[in-house]
Every structure is written in structure tokens, then in C-alpha cells.
Amino acid sequence: MIWKLFLTLAVLFAAYGAIHAESIGRRPRRQVSPRLPSRVMRLVVVVILAVMSIGTAARLYSGWRHEREIILVQVVNANTGQITPYEVRRGSVDGRRFQTLDGREIRLADVERMIILPLNSNTSR
């Protein structure tokens, strides 16, 4: 999260520097520091945009992969103690309902509880 803030600040400072450098060029020549060539500025902007694009693509891919992860959902009837296991994708769990891998939509009753486990966990203790 902190990297997003640093990246946003870097873009803001680069934009401010570009605007400020251009406005200095319109004033009478009283330059304190040498002006960066426009090629260097373009390169900096391209690098910043590339880093932002790569970061955004990585975040989108990570979220997509997380939603597609297959997990084990155990539905426990609180009255009888009966456990019914289902394999589902993490993104299909929505509150008290979910859709299994084979397409069935399951809605939990008030007396049922849901336990969400990774698929590779050892469920028998």
C-alpha cells in the first residue's frame, strides 16, 4: 500500500516539475539550476507509466487468481451435526450462498453454518 502512495507522489512531483520547468522557460532567463532536456523528462514519464502499468496488471492478475482458487466449503447443520463438503471457487462464495464447481447453487438455512478451508487441508483430525 505504501508503494502506491510513493508512486502517486512521484507522478505528482514529475508533473509539477514539468509544468514548473515550462513556466520558467516563458519568463526572462534567470535560471537557478540547469533545465532537464525534454528527452530525459520523456524517459522519466515513460518509465513511471510502465511501472504503474506493470503494477496494475500484476494486481489485477493476483486478484483474478485469488478469486479462481478452489476451496473446500463444509456446511454444518447445527441441529444434527451433519457435515456436507463442497468444492467451490473462492469468488463464488457470497454471504450465505455459493455455487459449486459442478454448477449447483447452495443457499444455507438459518440452522446451517459454513466452514471455509483450503482444498489441500487435512479435514480429518
C-alpha atoms as a PDB file:
ATOM      1  CA  MET A   1       0.000   0.000   0.000  1.00  0.00           C
ATOM      2  CA  ILE A   2       2.822   2.397   0.827  1.00  0.00           C
ATOM      3  CA  TRP A   3       4.292   1.862  -2.660  1.00  0.00           C
ATOM      4  CA  LYS A   4       1.074   3.132  -4.210  1.00  0.00           C
ATOM      5  CA  LEU A   5       1.430   6.349  -2.232  1.00  0.00           C
ATOM      6  CA  PHE A   6       5.091   6.749  -3.229  1.00  0.00           C
ATOM      7  CA  LEU A   7       4.251   6.130  -6.869  1.00  0.00           C
ATOM      8  CA  THR A   8       1.405   8.662  -6.784  1.00  0.00           C
ATOM      9  CA  LEU A   9       3.687  11.243  -5.181  1.00  0.00           C
ATOM     10  CA  ALA A  10       6.374  10.575  -7.788  1.00  0.00           C
ATOM     11  CA  VAL A  11       3.868  11.176 -10.591  1.00  0.00           C
ATOM     12  CA  LEU A  12       2.647  14.379  -8.954  1.00  0.00           C
ATOM     13  CA  PHE A  13       6.185  15.705  -8.459  1.00  0.00           C
ATOM     14  CA  ALA A  14       7.106  14.815 -12.051  1.00  0.00           C
ATOM     15  CA  ALA A  15       4.024  16.614 -13.376  1.00  0.00           C
ATOM     16  CA  TYR A  16       4.714  19.610 -11.153  1.00  0.00           C
ATOM     17  CA  GLY A  17       8.335  19.676 -12.304  1.00  0.00           C
ATOM     18  CA  ALA A  18       7.313  19.547 -15.968  1.00  0.00           C
ATOM     19  CA  ILE A  19       4.790  22.355 -15.586  1.00  0.00           C
ATOM     20  CA  HIS A  20       7.138  24.429 -13.464  1.00  0.00           C
ATOM     21  CA  ALA A  21      10.037  23.962 -15.891  1.00  0.00           C
ATOM     22  CA  GLU A  22       7.852  25.026 -18.806  1.00  0.00           C
ATOM     23  CA  SER A  23       6.602  28.119 -16.993  1.00  0.00           C
ATOM     24  CA  ILE A  24      10.187  29.104 -16.143  1.00  0.00           C
ATOM     25  CA  GLY A  25      11.028  28.919 -19.847  1.00  0.00           C
ATOM     26  CA  ARG A  26       8.442  31.641 -20.571  1.00  0.00           C
ATOM     27  CA  ARG A  27       9.876  34.059 -18.021  1.00  0.00           C
ATOM     28  CA  PRO A  28      13.003  36.082 -18.580  1.00  0.00           C
ATOM     29  CA  ARG A  29      16.136  33.950 -18.263  1.00  0.00           C
ATOM     30  CA  ARG A  30      17.018  33.760 -14.607  1.00  0.00           C
ATOM     31  CA  GLN A  31      17.758  30.099 -14.210  1.00  0.00           C
ATOM     32  CA  VAL A  32      18.986  28.819 -10.884  1.00  0.00           C
ATOM     33  CA  SER A  33      19.578  25.231 -11.965  1.00  0.00           C
ATOM     34  CA  PRO A  34      20.092  23.761 -15.429  1.00  0.00           C
ATOM     35  CA  ARG A  35      16.906  22.584 -17.104  1.00  0.00           C
ATOM     36  CA  LEU A  36      16.483  18.886 -17.802  1.00  0.00           C
ATOM     37  CA  PRO A  37      16.380  18.026 -21.510  1.00  0.00           C
ATOM     38  CA  SER A  38      12.965  17.030 -22.791  1.00  0.00           C
ATOM     39  CA  ARG A  39      14.252  13.556 -23.730  1.00  0.00           C
ATOM     40  CA  VAL A  40      15.184  12.843 -20.119  1.00  0.00           C
ATOM     41  CA  MET A  41      11.797  14.078 -18.967  1.00  0.00           C
ATOM     42  CA  ARG A  42      10.025  11.880 -21.528  1.00  0.00           C
ATOM     43  CA  LEU A  43      12.089   8.906 -20.432  1.00  0.00           C
ATOM     44  CA  VAL A  44      11.161   9.519 -16.791  1.00  0.00           C
ATOM     45  CA  VAL A  45       7.474   9.757 -17.687  1.00  0.00           C
ATOM     46  CA  VAL A  46       7.616   6.592 -19.801  1.00  0.00           C
ATOM     47  CA  VAL A  47       9.367   4.679 -17.007  1.00  0.00           C
ATOM     48  CA  ILE A  48       6.820   5.851 -14.434  1.00  0.00           C
ATOM     49  CA  LEU A  49       3.919   4.896 -16.707  1.00  0.00           C
ATOM     50  CA  ALA A  50       5.485   1.499 -17.395  1.00  0.00           C
ATOM     51  CA  VAL A  51       5.941   0.814 -13.682  1.00  0.00           C
ATOM     52  CA  MET A  52       2.354   1.870 -12.997  1.00  0.00           C
ATOM     53  CA  SER A  53       1.038  -0.334 -15.814  1.00  0.00           C
ATOM     54  CA  ILE A  54       3.042  -3.352 -14.680  1.00  0.00           C
ATOM     55  CA  GLY A  55       1.899  -2.851 -11.076  1.00  0.00           C
ATOM     56  CA  THR A  56      -1.738  -2.543 -12.119  1.00  0.00           C
ATOM     57  CA  ALA A  57      -1.533  -5.646 -14.303  1.00  0.00           C
ATOM     58  CA  ALA A  58       0.128  -7.629 -11.505  1.00  0.00           C
ATOM     59  CA  ARG A  59      -2.557  -6.565  -9.020  1.00  0.00           C
ATOM     60  CA  LEU A  60      -5.375  -7.464 -11.411  1.00  0.00           C
ATOM     61  CA  TYR A  61      -3.825 -10.862 -12.138  1.00  0.00           C
ATOM     62  CA  SER A  62      -3.310 -11.558  -8.440  1.00  0.00           C
ATOM     63  CA  GLY A  63      -6.958 -10.720  -7.672  1.00  0.00           C
ATOM     64  CA  TRP A  64      -8.193 -12.844 -10.565  1.00  0.00           C
ATOM     65  CA  ARG A  65      -6.067 -15.798  -9.439  1.00  0.00           C
ATOM     66  CA  HIS A  66      -7.306 -15.419  -5.840  1.00  0.00           C
ATOM     67  CA  GLU A  67     -10.956 -15.425  -6.966  1.00  0.00           C
ATOM     68  CA  ARG A  68     -10.373 -18.548  -9.106  1.00  0.00           C
ATOM     69  CA  GLU A  69      -8.781 -20.538  -6.248  1.00  0.00           C
ATOM     70  CA  ILE A  70     -10.630 -23.764  -5.456  1.00  0.00           C
ATOM     71  CA  ILE A  71     -11.516 -24.133  -1.777  1.00  0.00           C
ATOM     72  CA  LEU A  72     -13.425 -26.610   0.363  1.00  0.00           C
ATOM     73  CA  VAL A  73     -16.665 -25.387   1.932  1.00  0.00           C
ATOM     74  CA  GLN A  74     -18.148 -27.518   4.676  1.00  0.00           C
ATOM     75  CA  VAL A  75     -21.799 -26.930   5.519  1.00  0.00           C
ATOM     76  CA  VAL A  76     -22.551 -27.938   9.111  1.00  0.00           C
ATOM     77  CA  ASN A  77     -26.115 -28.475  10.299  1.00  0.00           C
ATOM     78  CA  ALA A  78     -26.157 -27.095  13.846  1.00  0.00           C
ATOM     79  CA  ASN A  79     -29.074 -29.340  14.893  1.00  0.00           C
ATOM     80  CA  THR A  80     -27.765 -32.695  13.682  1.00  0.00           C
ATOM     81  CA  GLY A  81     -24.021 -32.048  13.374  1.00  0.00           C
ATOM     82  CA  GLN A  82     -24.013 -33.424   9.829  1.00  0.00           C
ATOM     83  CA  ILE A  83     -21.176 -32.047   7.657  1.00  0.00           C
ATOM     84  CA  THR A  84     -21.577 -31.791   3.879  1.00  0.00           C
ATOM     85  CA  PRO A  85     -18.416 -30.857   1.924  1.00  0.00           C
ATOM     86  CA  TYR A  86     -18.433 -28.898  -1.359  1.00  0.00           C
ATOM     87  CA  GLU A  87     -15.651 -27.768  -3.673  1.00  0.00           C
ATOM     88  CA  VAL A  88     -16.152 -24.177  -4.841  1.00  0.00           C
ATOM     89  CA  ARG A  89     -14.210 -21.272  -6.278  1.00  0.00           C
ATOM     90  CA  ARG A  90     -13.413 -18.571  -3.730  1.00  0.00           C
ATOM     91  CA  GLY A  91     -15.103 -15.894  -5.852  1.00  0.00           C
ATOM     92  CA  SER A  92     -18.428 -17.745  -5.910  1.00  0.00           C
ATOM     93  CA  VAL A  93     -18.924 -17.550  -2.129  1.00  0.00           C
ATOM     94  CA  ASP A  94     -21.353 -14.720  -1.456  1.00  0.00           C
ATOM     95  CA  GLY A  95     -22.604 -14.412   2.099  1.00  0.00           C
ATOM     96  CA  ARG A  96     -24.785 -17.434   2.893  1.00  0.00           C
ATOM     97  CA  ARG A  97     -24.782 -18.836  -0.626  1.00  0.00           C
ATOM     98  CA  PHE A  98     -22.257 -20.216  -3.083  1.00  0.00           C
ATOM     99  CA  GLN A  99     -22.022 -22.087  -6.367  1.00  0.00           C
ATOM    100  CA  THR A 100     -20.213 -25.427  -6.565  1.00  0.00           C
ATOM    101  CA  LEU A 101     -17.772 -26.444  -9.301  1.00  0.00           C
ATOM    102  CA  ASP A 102     -20.454 -28.575 -10.936  1.00  0.00           C
ATOM    103  CA  GLY A 103     -22.865 -25.615 -11.136  1.00  0.00           C
ATOM    104  CA  ARG A 104     -25.195 -26.198  -8.179  1.00  0.00           C
ATOM    105  CA  GLU A 105     -26.190 -23.122  -6.199  1.00  0.00           C
ATOM    106  CA  ILE A 106     -26.302 -23.759  -2.448  1.00  0.00           C
ATOM    107  CA  ARG A 107     -28.115 -21.455  -0.029  1.00  0.00           C
ATOM    108  CA  LEU A 108     -27.623 -22.031   3.675  1.00  0.00           C
ATOM    109  CA  ALA A 109     -30.566 -22.295   6.052  1.00  0.00           C
ATOM    110  CA  ASP A 110     -30.591 -20.469   9.375  1.00  0.00           C
ATOM    111  CA  VAL A 111     -29.512 -23.612  11.252  1.00  0.00           C
ATOM    112  CA  GLU A 112     -26.527 -24.268   8.970  1.00  0.00           C
ATOM    113  CA  ARG A 113     -23.006 -22.901   9.324  1.00  0.00           C
ATOM    114  CA  MET A 114     -20.286 -22.612   6.703  1.00  0.00           C
ATOM    115  CA  ILE A 115     -16.629 -23.542   7.230  1.00  0.00           C
ATOM    116  CA  ILE A 116     -14.211 -22.413   4.514  1.00  0.00           C
ATOM    117  CA  LEU A 117     -10.959 -24.386   4.222  1.00  0.00           C
ATOM    118  CA  PRO A 118      -8.139 -24.552   1.680  1.00  0.00           C
ATOM    119  CA  LEU A 119      -8.655 -27.569  -0.583  1.00  0.00           C
ATOM    120  CA  ASN A 120      -5.395 -29.240   0.431  1.00  0.00           C
ATOM    121  CA  SER A 121      -6.071 -29.046   4.213  1.00  0.00           C
ATOM    122  CA  ASN A 122      -6.366 -32.201   6.270  1.00  0.00           C
ATOM    123  CA  THR A 123     -10.016 -32.253   7.355  1.00  0.00           C
ATOM    124  CA  SER A 124      -9.807 -35.418   9.463  1.00  0.00           C
ATOM    125  CA  ARG A 125      -8.142 -34.852  12.842  1.00  0.00           C
END
